Amino acid sequence: MSFGLSLLAVLLLLLFLRFSFRYSWWAPAVDYQQPRILMYHMISDPKKSTQ
């Protein structure tokens, strides 16, 4: 009985963590008047075959 409850608690914790990382409900809401910035960075030189 105790093992089953422990397993259920761990499973619920993992599901909660997955939900938290996926939807970031804990992050403060940003006003829609603020710009959304998305930046891409090259971390390596382009391959010779693609030039």
PDB file of N, CA and C in Angstrom:
ATOM      1  N   MET A   1       0.824  -1.193   0.000  1.00  0.00           N
ATOM      2  CA  MET A   1       0.000   0.000   0.000  1.00  0.00           C
ATOM      3  C   MET A   1       0.866   1.255   0.000  1.00  0.00           C
ATOM      4  N   SER A   2       1.889   1.272   0.831  1.00  0.00           N
ATOM      5  CA  SER A   2       2.773   2.426   0.924  1.00  0.00           C
ATOM      6  C   SER A   2       3.569   2.616  -0.369  1.00  0.00           C
ATOM      7  N   PHE A   3       3.989   1.493  -0.974  1.00  0.00           N
ATOM      8  CA  PHE A   3       4.740   1.569  -2.231  1.00  0.00           C
ATOM      9  C   PHE A   3       3.861   2.162  -3.334  1.00  0.00           C
ATOM     10  N   GLY A   4       2.601   1.773  -3.362  1.00  0.00           N
ATOM     11  CA  GLY A   4       1.678   2.297  -4.364  1.00  0.00           C
ATOM     12  C   GLY A   4       1.471   3.795  -4.215  1.00  0.00           C
ATOM     13  N   LEU A   5       1.360   4.256  -2.977  1.00  0.00           N
ATOM     14  CA  LEU A   5       1.202   5.696  -2.742  1.00  0.00           C
ATOM     15  C   LEU A   5       2.464   6.461  -3.112  1.00  0.00           C
ATOM     16  N   SER A   6       3.614   5.871  -2.816  1.00  0.00           N
ATOM     17  CA  SER A   6       4.884   6.506  -3.170  1.00  0.00           C
ATOM     18  C   SER A   6       5.018   6.614  -4.685  1.00  0.00           C
ATOM     19  N   LEU A   7       4.657   5.546  -5.370  1.00  0.00           N
ATOM     20  CA  LEU A   7       4.730   5.535  -6.835  1.00  0.00           C
ATOM     21  C   LEU A   7       3.767   6.565  -7.423  1.00  0.00           C
ATOM     22  N   LEU A   8       2.585   6.648  -6.865  1.00  0.00           N
ATOM     23  CA  LEU A   8       1.607   7.628  -7.327  1.00  0.00           C
ATOM     24  C   LEU A   8       2.106   9.052  -7.074  1.00  0.00           C
ATOM     25  N   ALA A   9       2.711   9.294  -5.928  1.00  0.00           N
ATOM     26  CA  ALA A   9       3.240  10.621  -5.612  1.00  0.00           C
ATOM     27  C   ALA A   9       4.353  11.016  -6.585  1.00  0.00           C
ATOM     28  N   VAL A  10       5.237  10.087  -6.901  1.00  0.00           N
ATOM     29  CA  VAL A  10       6.327  10.368  -7.844  1.00  0.00           C
ATOM     30  C   VAL A  10       5.760  10.632  -9.228  1.00  0.00           C
ATOM     31  N   LEU A  11       4.779   9.838  -9.643  1.00  0.00           N
ATOM     32  CA  LEU A  11       4.166  10.029 -10.947  1.00  0.00           C
ATOM     33  C   LEU A  11       3.477  11.390 -11.032  1.00  0.00           C
ATOM     34  N   LEU A  12       2.752  11.758 -10.004  1.00  0.00           N
ATOM     35  CA  LEU A  12       2.099  13.071  -9.992  1.00  0.00           C
ATOM     36  C   LEU A  12       3.119  14.208  -9.998  1.00  0.00           C
ATOM     37  N   LEU A  13       4.206  14.038  -9.283  1.00  0.00           N
ATOM     38  CA  LEU A  13       5.258  15.057  -9.281  1.00  0.00           C
ATOM     39  C   LEU A  13       5.868  15.212 -10.673  1.00  0.00           C
ATOM     40  N   LEU A  14       6.138  14.103 -11.344  1.00  0.00           N
ATOM     41  CA  LEU A  14       6.704  14.177 -12.695  1.00  0.00           C
ATOM     42  C   LEU A  14       5.736  14.829 -13.679  1.00  0.00           C
ATOM     43  N   LEU A  15       4.461  14.493 -13.570  1.00  0.00           N
ATOM     44  CA  LEU A  15       3.469  15.123 -14.442  1.00  0.00           C
ATOM     45  C   LEU A  15       3.360  16.622 -14.168  1.00  0.00           C
ATOM     46  N   PHE A  16       3.406  16.993 -12.903  1.00  0.00           N
ATOM     47  CA  PHE A  16       3.358  18.410 -12.539  1.00  0.00           C
ATOM     48  C   PHE A  16       4.574  19.162 -13.086  1.00  0.00           C
ATOM     49  N   LEU A  17       5.760  18.573 -12.971  1.00  0.00           N
ATOM     50  CA  LEU A  17       6.967  19.218 -13.489  1.00  0.00           C
ATOM     51  C   LEU A  17       6.920  19.350 -15.005  1.00  0.00           C
ATOM     52  N   ARG A  18       6.443  18.317 -15.682  1.00  0.00           N
ATOM     53  CA  ARG A  18       6.320  18.383 -17.149  1.00  0.00           C
ATOM     54  C   ARG A  18       5.355  19.490 -17.544  1.00  0.00           C
ATOM     55  N   PHE A  19       4.218  19.566 -16.872  1.00  0.00           N
ATOM     56  CA  PHE A  19       3.241  20.610 -17.146  1.00  0.00           C
ATOM     57  C   PHE A  19       3.844  21.991 -16.891  1.00  0.00           C
ATOM     58  N   SER A  20       4.595  22.124 -15.806  1.00  0.00           N
ATOM     59  CA  SER A  20       5.182  23.421 -15.459  1.00  0.00           C
ATOM     60  C   SER A  20       6.203  23.872 -16.488  1.00  0.00           C
ATOM     61  N   PHE A  21       7.031  22.949 -16.971  1.00  0.00           N
ATOM     62  CA  PHE A  21       8.028  23.330 -17.974  1.00  0.00           C
ATOM     63  C   PHE A  21       7.394  23.595 -19.328  1.00  0.00           C
ATOM     64  N   ARG A  22       6.310  22.911 -19.630  1.00  0.00           N
ATOM     65  CA  ARG A  22       5.659  23.065 -20.933  1.00  0.00           C
ATOM     66  C   ARG A  22       4.886  24.374 -21.030  1.00  0.00           C
ATOM     67  N   TYR A  23       4.126  24.703 -19.999  1.00  0.00           N
ATOM     68  CA  TYR A  23       3.232  25.852 -20.075  1.00  0.00           C
ATOM     69  C   TYR A  23       3.692  27.053 -19.263  1.00  0.00           C
ATOM     70  N   SER A  24       4.722  26.928 -18.477  1.00  0.00           N
ATOM     71  CA  SER A  24       5.299  28.005 -17.654  1.00  0.00           C
ATOM     72  C   SER A  24       4.222  28.872 -17.007  1.00  0.00           C
ATOM     73  N   TRP A  25       3.319  28.248 -16.301  1.00  0.00           N
ATOM     74  CA  TRP A  25       2.242  28.948 -15.613  1.00  0.00           C
ATOM     75  C   TRP A  25       2.774  29.854 -14.511  1.00  0.00           C
ATOM     76  N   TRP A  26       3.997  29.601 -14.051  1.00  0.00           N
ATOM     77  CA  TRP A  26       4.574  30.334 -12.947  1.00  0.00           C
ATOM     78  C   TRP A  26       5.230  31.642 -13.383  1.00  0.00           C
ATOM     79  N   ALA A  27       5.450  31.825 -14.688  1.00  0.00           N
ATOM     80  CA  ALA A  27       6.106  33.040 -15.179  1.00  0.00           C
ATOM     81  C   ALA A  27       5.125  34.214 -15.124  1.00  0.00           C
ATOM     82  N   PRO A  28       5.617  35.403 -14.797  1.00  0.00           N
ATOM     83  CA  PRO A  28       4.708  36.551 -14.756  1.00  0.00           C
ATOM     84  C   PRO A  28       4.173  36.876 -16.151  1.00  0.00           C
ATOM     85  N   ALA A  29       2.931  37.281 -16.220  1.00  0.00           N
ATOM     86  CA  ALA A  29       2.319  37.645 -17.503  1.00  0.00           C
ATOM     87  C   ALA A  29       2.923  38.951 -17.999  1.00  0.00           C
ATOM     88  N   VAL A  30       3.140  39.041 -19.297  1.00  0.00           N
ATOM     89  CA  VAL A  30       3.698  40.237 -19.915  1.00  0.00           C
ATOM     90  C   VAL A  30       2.577  40.930 -20.689  1.00  0.00           C
ATOM     91  N   ASP A  31       2.512  42.235 -20.550  1.00  0.00           N
ATOM     92  CA  ASP A  31       1.496  43.011 -21.249  1.00  0.00           C
ATOM     93  C   ASP A  31       1.667  42.846 -22.765  1.00  0.00           C
ATOM     94  N   TYR A  32       0.546  42.794 -23.478  1.00  0.00           N
ATOM     95  CA  TYR A  32       0.610  42.618 -24.932  1.00  0.00           C
ATOM     96  C   TYR A  32       1.155  43.849 -25.648  1.00  0.00           C
ATOM     97  N   GLN A  33       1.279  44.981 -24.951  1.00  0.00           N
ATOM     98  CA  GLN A  33       1.884  46.168 -25.548  1.00  0.00           C
ATOM     99  C   GLN A  33       3.402  46.037 -25.632  1.00  0.00           C
ATOM    100  N   GLN A  34       3.976  45.138 -24.855  1.00  0.00           N
ATOM    101  CA  GLN A  34       5.416  44.919 -24.876  1.00  0.00           C
ATOM    102  C   GLN A  34       5.786  44.088 -26.107  1.00  0.00           C
ATOM    103  N   PRO A  35       6.887  44.424 -26.760  1.00  0.00           N
ATOM    104  CA  PRO A  35       7.285  43.652 -27.946  1.00  0.00           C
ATOM    105  C   PRO A  35       7.761  42.253 -27.569  1.00  0.00           C
ATOM    106  N   ARG A  36       7.505  41.306 -28.434  1.00  0.00           N
ATOM    107  CA  ARG A  36       8.012  39.942 -28.273  1.00  0.00           C
ATOM    108  C   ARG A  36       9.283  39.840 -29.110  1.00  0.00           C
ATOM    109  N   ILE A  37      10.343  39.406 -28.492  1.00  0.00           N
ATOM    110  CA  ILE A  37      11.633  39.344 -29.178  1.00  0.00           C
ATOM    111  C   ILE A  37      12.049  37.887 -29.318  1.00  0.00           C
ATOM    112  N   LEU A  38      12.332  37.492 -30.533  1.00  0.00           N
ATOM    113  CA  LEU A  38      12.810  36.155 -30.815  1.00  0.00           C
ATOM    114  C   LEU A  38      14.120  36.300 -31.579  1.00  0.00           C
ATOM    115  N   MET A  39      15.193  35.767 -31.024  1.00  0.00           N
ATOM    116  CA  MET A  39      16.505  35.928 -31.647  1.00  0.00           C
ATOM    117  C   MET A  39      17.085  34.563 -31.976  1.00  0.00           C
ATOM    118  N   TYR A  40      17.655  34.460 -33.132  1.00  0.00           N
ATOM    119  CA  TYR A  40      18.355  33.253 -33.541  1.00  0.00           C
ATOM    120  C   TYR A  40      19.845  33.561 -33.589  1.00  0.00           C
ATOM    121  N   HIS A  41      20.642  32.657 -33.109  1.00  0.00           N
ATOM    122  CA  HIS A  41      22.079  32.854 -33.094  1.00  0.00           C
ATOM    123  C   HIS A  41      22.749  31.692 -33.806  1.00  0.00           C
ATOM    124  N   MET A  42      23.726  32.016 -34.640  1.00  0.00           N
ATOM    125  CA  MET A  42      24.542  30.959 -35.247  1.00  0.00           C
ATOM    126  C   MET A  42      25.598  30.551 -34.241  1.00  0.00           C
ATOM    127  N   ILE A  43      25.711  29.285 -33.980  1.00  0.00           N
ATOM    128  CA  ILE A  43      26.704  28.832 -33.020  1.00  0.00           C
ATOM    129  C   ILE A  43      27.878  28.164 -33.717  1.00  0.00           C
ATOM    130  N   SER A  44      27.808  28.051 -35.045  1.00  0.00           N
ATOM    131  CA  SER A  44      28.927  27.501 -35.794  1.00  0.00           C
ATOM    132  C   SER A  44      28.940  28.130 -37.181  1.00  0.00           C
ATOM    133  N   ASP A  45      30.050  27.979 -37.857  1.00  0.00           N
ATOM    134  CA  ASP A  45      30.155  28.501 -39.213  1.00  0.00           C
ATOM    135  C   ASP A  45      29.257  27.685 -40.143  1.00  0.00           C
ATOM    136  N   PRO A  46      28.739  28.324 -41.199  1.00  0.00           N
ATOM    137  CA  PRO A  46      27.901  27.578 -42.158  1.00  0.00           C
ATOM    138  C   PRO A  46      28.722  26.461 -42.825  1.00  0.00           C
ATOM    139  N   LYS A  47      28.057  25.386 -43.183  1.00  0.00           N
ATOM    140  CA  LYS A  47      28.735  24.287 -43.868  1.00  0.00           C
ATOM    141  C   LYS A  47      29.085  24.705 -45.282  1.00  0.00           C
ATOM    142  N   LYS A  48      30.173  24.211 -45.799  1.00  0.00           N
ATOM    143  CA  LYS A  48      30.615  24.567 -47.138  1.00  0.00           C
ATOM    144  C   LYS A  48      29.631  24.097 -48.188  1.00  0.00           C
ATOM    145  N   SER A  49      28.970  22.966 -47.969  1.00  0.00           N
ATOM    146  CA  SER A  49      28.074  22.412 -48.985  1.00  0.00           C
ATOM    147  C   SER A  49      26.783  23.220 -49.145  1.00  0.00           C
ATOM    148  N   THR A  50      26.433  24.051 -48.187  1.00  0.00           N
ATOM    149  CA  THR A  50      25.199  24.826 -48.278  1.00  0.00           C
ATOM    150  C   THR A  50      25.401  26.213 -48.860  1.00  0.00           C
ATOM    151  N   GLN A  51      26.620  26.590 -49.120  1.00  0.00           N
ATOM    152  CA  GLN A  51      26.873  27.931 -49.653  1.00  0.00           C
ATOM    153  C   GLN A  51      26.783  27.963 -51.146  1.00  0.00           C
TER     154      GLN A  51
END
